[in-house]
């Protein structure tokens, strides 16, 4: 009788642990998908480019693009050299 009760308790414990692991695995997969969707690299995969100045900072404003100045364009599969031709 005690052995049967112990076996049932062990079975419930294993089932509970398995269910908790499945829930946490699902939650982790969902969070990973959210993180991937918000990744700056995914933006590049959609066709956007990020201009980067010689100091390594992202160029965000028009005033940061000085005629004649060189900068890099970061795209999905690498970087390109670029130069500002006009304001």
Foldseek 3Di string as FASTA:
>chain_A
DVVVVVVVVVVVVVVVVVVVVVVVVVVVVVVVVVCVVPDPLVVLVVPDKWKAAPVRHTDDDPVVQDAQGWIWIQHNPGIDIDGHHDD
